[in-house]
Amino acid sequence: MAEYAHPEVLVTTDWVAQHGGDAGIRLVEVDVDTAAYDEGHISGAVGLNWQTQLCDQVRRDILTKEQFEGLCQDNGISNDTTVIFYGDNNNWFATYALWQFRYYGHDESKLKVMDGGRQKWIDEGRDLVTDAASPAATDYKAKFPDDNVRATKDHVLPTLEQGVVNLVDVRSPAEFTGEIIAPPGLPETAQRPGRIPGAANIPWATAVA
């Protein structure tokens, strides 16, 4: 079995159990199932809703810099906070949240993912609580977006014409072939079925344990 490309990003459930409540640590749960946090979460964790809190509610886009700052301020995250992300579905949307933090310049050494996510924590019989965390507000200030970690249509189209880019489509095979346009149970937000020409399909589920 190949080793992780960046093991420094991962923390174990044991580590979270021992240090999740330490000063300077903020646990953040982001689930595909937006009701999961209310049903039970790790003590001290804040819950972020990917549908309403991690995307712009008018444009089909991620948060603006100002919206991201407000999200961090409201959830007790400062510029010096080490943020530990976890969630359901193999940390699917948890890592999406981590990417937004990286995009807006949060110190990469302070962005971590709990290996195994919510399900591993539950499988190990560890405690969950139902009371929502209410951390004190902060004065978080985001940096300007790091466009080196994001490719837009304007970046992709010219490279397709030149044939110099490798595109990886991490959706399910059924989405890749156009059989469906969204994962089962999620809103069908794609405008058309199918894929970008030349893309290779490496489903998300095959890349995580």
Protein backbone atom coordinates (compact mmCIF):
# COMPACT_ATOMS: atom_id res chain seq x y z
CA MET A 1 0.00 0.00 0.00
CA ALA A 2 1.36 3.42 -0.96
CA GLU A 3 2.12 5.89 1.81
CA TYR A 4 0.18 9.13 2.19
CA ALA A 5 1.50 11.99 0.07
CA HIS A 6 1.16 14.47 2.95
CA PRO A 7 0.88 12.59 6.26
CA GLU A 8 1.50 15.82 8.17
CA VAL A 9 -2.06 16.92 7.33
CA LEU A 10 -3.64 13.98 9.18
CA VAL A 11 -4.34 13.63 12.89
CA THR A 12 -5.68 10.46 14.49
CA THR A 13 -8.87 10.02 16.47
CA ASP A 14 -6.66 9.35 19.52
CA TRP A 15 -4.95 12.69 19.02
CA VAL A 16 -8.30 14.47 18.74
CA ALA A 17 -9.59 12.74 21.87
CA GLN A 18 -6.53 13.97 23.77
CA HIS A 19 -6.10 17.44 22.28
CA GLY A 20 -9.41 18.48 20.70
CA GLY A 21 -10.19 20.73 23.64
CA ASP A 22 -6.77 22.36 23.88
CA ALA A 23 -6.38 26.12 23.59
CA GLY A 24 -5.77 27.18 20.01
CA ILE A 25 -7.58 24.15 18.56
CA ARG A 26 -10.95 24.33 16.78
CA LEU A 27 -12.75 21.19 15.62
CA VAL A 28 -14.93 21.74 12.56
CA GLU A 29 -17.48 19.16 11.37
CA VAL A 30 -18.77 19.38 7.80
CA ASP A 31 -21.11 16.63 6.63
CA VAL A 32 -22.84 15.71 3.38
CA ASP A 33 -25.83 14.93 5.63
CA THR A 34 -26.47 18.39 7.02
CA ALA A 35 -28.52 16.96 9.92
CA ALA A 36 -25.66 14.81 11.24
CA TYR A 37 -24.06 17.49 13.43
CA ASP A 38 -27.27 18.06 15.38
CA GLU A 39 -27.66 14.31 15.90
CA GLY A 40 -24.28 14.15 17.61
CA HIS A 41 -20.76 15.52 17.22
CA ILE A 42 -17.40 15.62 18.97
CA SER A 43 -17.49 17.82 22.06
CA GLY A 44 -16.41 21.37 21.25
CA ALA A 45 -16.78 21.01 17.49
CA VAL A 46 -18.58 23.66 15.48
CA GLY A 47 -20.72 22.50 12.59
CA LEU A 48 -20.64 24.11 9.15
CA ASN A 49 -23.40 23.55 6.61
CA TRP A 50 -21.89 23.12 3.15
CA GLN A 51 -25.11 24.23 1.46
CA THR A 52 -25.65 27.47 3.37
CA GLN A 53 -22.32 28.43 4.96
CA LEU A 54 -19.61 27.30 2.54
CA CYS A 55 -20.96 28.70 -0.71
CA ASP A 56 -22.34 32.01 -1.89
CA GLN A 57 -26.13 32.00 -1.70
CA VAL A 58 -26.61 34.07 -4.88
CA ARG A 59 -23.77 33.05 -7.20
CA ARG A 60 -22.73 29.47 -7.89
CA ASP A 61 -19.36 29.99 -6.24
CA ILE A 62 -17.41 29.66 -3.03
CA LEU A 63 -17.48 32.30 -0.31
CA THR A 64 -16.11 35.76 -0.96
CA LYS A 65 -13.20 36.95 1.18
CA GLU A 66 -15.58 38.97 3.35
CA GLN A 67 -17.98 36.06 3.77
CA PHE A 68 -15.11 33.75 4.70
CA GLU A 69 -13.87 36.21 7.31
CA GLY A 70 -17.34 36.38 8.83
CA LEU A 71 -17.60 32.59 8.93
CA CYS A 72 -14.34 32.31 10.85
CA GLN A 73 -15.18 35.18 13.17
CA ASP A 74 -18.57 33.70 14.05
CA ASN A 75 -17.11 30.25 14.76
CA GLY A 76 -14.27 31.19 17.07
CA ILE A 77 -11.48 30.74 14.55
CA SER A 78 -8.59 33.19 14.68
CA ASN A 79 -5.63 33.49 12.34
CA ASP A 80 -3.55 31.50 14.83
CA THR A 81 -6.09 28.70 15.33
CA THR A 82 -5.23 25.13 14.34
CA VAL A 83 -8.36 23.89 12.58
CA ILE A 84 -9.15 20.16 12.61
CA PHE A 85 -11.70 19.18 9.97
CA TYR A 86 -13.77 16.00 9.95
CA GLY A 87 -17.10 14.80 8.61
CA ASP A 88 -19.08 11.99 7.06
CA ASN A 89 -18.59 10.30 3.69
CA ASN A 90 -14.82 9.93 4.12
CA ASN A 91 -14.35 13.60 4.99
CA TRP A 92 -15.74 14.66 1.62
CA PHE A 93 -17.02 18.14 2.44
CA ALA A 94 -14.65 18.47 5.39
CA THR A 95 -11.76 18.62 2.94
CA TYR A 96 -13.72 21.02 0.74
CA ALA A 97 -13.86 23.34 3.75
CA LEU A 98 -10.13 22.87 4.34
CA TRP A 99 -9.47 23.88 0.73
CA GLN A 100 -11.35 27.16 1.22
CA PHE A 101 -9.23 27.88 4.29
CA ARG A 102 -6.11 27.27 2.24
CA TYR A 103 -7.48 29.41 -0.61
CA TYR A 104 -7.89 32.36 1.75
CA GLY A 105 -4.42 32.03 3.22
CA HIS A 106 -4.85 30.28 6.56
CA ASP A 107 -1.48 28.89 7.68
CA GLU A 108 -1.23 25.47 6.00
CA SER A 109 0.58 24.01 9.01
CA LYS A 110 -2.54 24.77 11.04
CA LEU A 111 -4.98 22.93 8.75
CA LYS A 112 -5.55 19.27 9.63
CA VAL A 113 -7.96 16.43 8.83
CA MET A 114 -9.04 13.76 11.32
CA ASP A 115 -8.12 10.48 9.66
CA GLY A 116 -11.18 8.26 9.19
CA GLY A 117 -13.63 11.08 9.80
CA ARG A 118 -16.86 10.93 11.72
CA GLN A 119 -17.48 7.24 11.02
CA LYS A 120 -14.17 6.10 12.50
CA TRP A 121 -14.87 8.11 15.65
CA ILE A 122 -18.27 6.43 15.95
CA ASP A 123 -16.94 2.96 15.14
CA GLU A 124 -14.46 3.29 17.99
CA GLY A 125 -17.31 3.95 20.41
CA ARG A 126 -16.18 7.46 21.24
CA ASP A 127 -18.57 9.96 22.79
CA LEU A 128 -20.77 12.35 20.84
CA VAL A 129 -22.67 15.32 22.24
CA THR A 130 -25.71 17.18 20.95
CA ASP A 131 -25.20 20.63 22.45
CA ALA A 132 -23.89 23.07 19.85
CA ALA A 133 -20.58 24.76 20.55
CA SER A 134 -20.70 28.53 21.03
CA PRO A 135 -17.14 29.86 20.87
CA ALA A 136 -16.29 33.50 21.39
CA ALA A 137 -16.11 35.63 18.26
CA THR A 138 -12.75 36.59 16.76
CA ASP A 139 -11.39 39.30 14.47
CA TYR A 140 -10.21 36.91 11.76
CA LYS A 141 -8.66 38.56 8.72
CA ALA A 142 -8.32 36.54 5.52
CA LYS A 143 -5.53 36.99 3.02
CA PHE A 144 -6.13 37.59 -0.65
CA PRO A 145 -7.16 34.43 -2.53
CA ASP A 146 -4.36 32.10 -3.59
CA ASP A 147 -5.26 31.46 -7.20
CA ASN A 148 -2.48 28.88 -7.43
CA VAL A 149 -4.82 26.36 -5.79
CA ARG A 150 -7.83 27.06 -7.99
CA ALA A 151 -8.40 26.58 -11.72
CA THR A 152 -11.22 28.51 -13.38
CA LYS A 153 -12.82 28.02 -16.77
CA ASP A 154 -10.54 30.72 -18.15
CA HIS A 155 -7.53 28.65 -17.06
CA VAL A 156 -8.84 25.29 -18.24
CA LEU A 157 -10.17 26.09 -21.72
CA PRO A 158 -6.86 27.28 -23.24
CA THR A 159 -4.98 24.30 -21.81
CA LEU A 160 -7.53 21.91 -23.31
CA GLU A 161 -6.87 23.38 -26.73
CA GLN A 162 -3.12 22.98 -26.20
CA GLY A 163 -3.43 19.48 -24.74
CA VAL A 164 -1.04 20.27 -21.88
CA VAL A 165 -3.16 19.61 -18.80
CA ASN A 166 -4.25 16.48 -16.97
CA LEU A 167 -7.83 16.76 -15.69
CA VAL A 168 -9.04 14.43 -12.95
CA ASP A 169 -12.79 14.02 -12.43
CA VAL A 170 -13.39 12.75 -8.89
CA ARG A 171 -17.13 12.18 -9.26
CA SER A 172 -18.71 8.74 -9.39
CA PRO A 173 -18.47 6.68 -12.60
CA ALA A 174 -22.21 7.23 -13.18
CA GLU A 175 -21.74 11.00 -13.05
CA PHE A 176 -18.65 10.76 -15.23
CA THR A 177 -20.53 8.91 -17.97
CA GLY A 178 -23.56 11.20 -17.72
CA GLU A 179 -25.93 8.54 -16.40
CA ILE A 180 -26.75 10.83 -13.45
CA ILE A 181 -25.91 14.48 -12.80
CA ALA A 182 -25.55 14.42 -9.00
CA PRO A 183 -24.84 11.88 -6.27
CA PRO A 184 -27.97 10.09 -5.01
CA GLY A 185 -29.85 12.19 -2.47
CA LEU A 186 -28.17 15.47 -3.35
CA PRO A 187 -29.66 18.34 -5.38
CA GLU A 188 -29.13 17.97 -9.12
CA THR A 189 -27.24 21.21 -9.69
CA ALA A 190 -25.23 20.28 -12.80
CA GLN A 191 -26.51 22.00 -15.90
CA ARG A 192 -25.66 19.15 -18.27
CA PRO A 193 -24.61 15.52 -17.82
CA GLY A 194 -21.20 14.25 -18.81
CA ARG A 195 -17.61 15.40 -18.35
CA ILE A 196 -14.96 17.74 -19.70
CA PRO A 197 -13.31 16.17 -22.75
CA GLY A 198 -10.06 14.39 -21.92
CA ALA A 199 -10.71 14.08 -18.19
CA ALA A 200 -9.78 10.89 -16.34
CA ASN A 201 -12.16 9.46 -13.76
CA ILE A 202 -10.63 8.72 -10.35
CA PRO A 203 -13.62 8.57 -7.98
CA TRP A 204 -13.18 10.22 -4.59
CA ALA A 205 -14.06 7.01 -2.76
CA THR A 206 -11.12 5.17 -4.34
CA ALA A 207 -8.61 7.71 -3.06
CA VAL A 208 -9.48 7.53 0.64
CA ALA A 209 -9.44 4.73 3.17
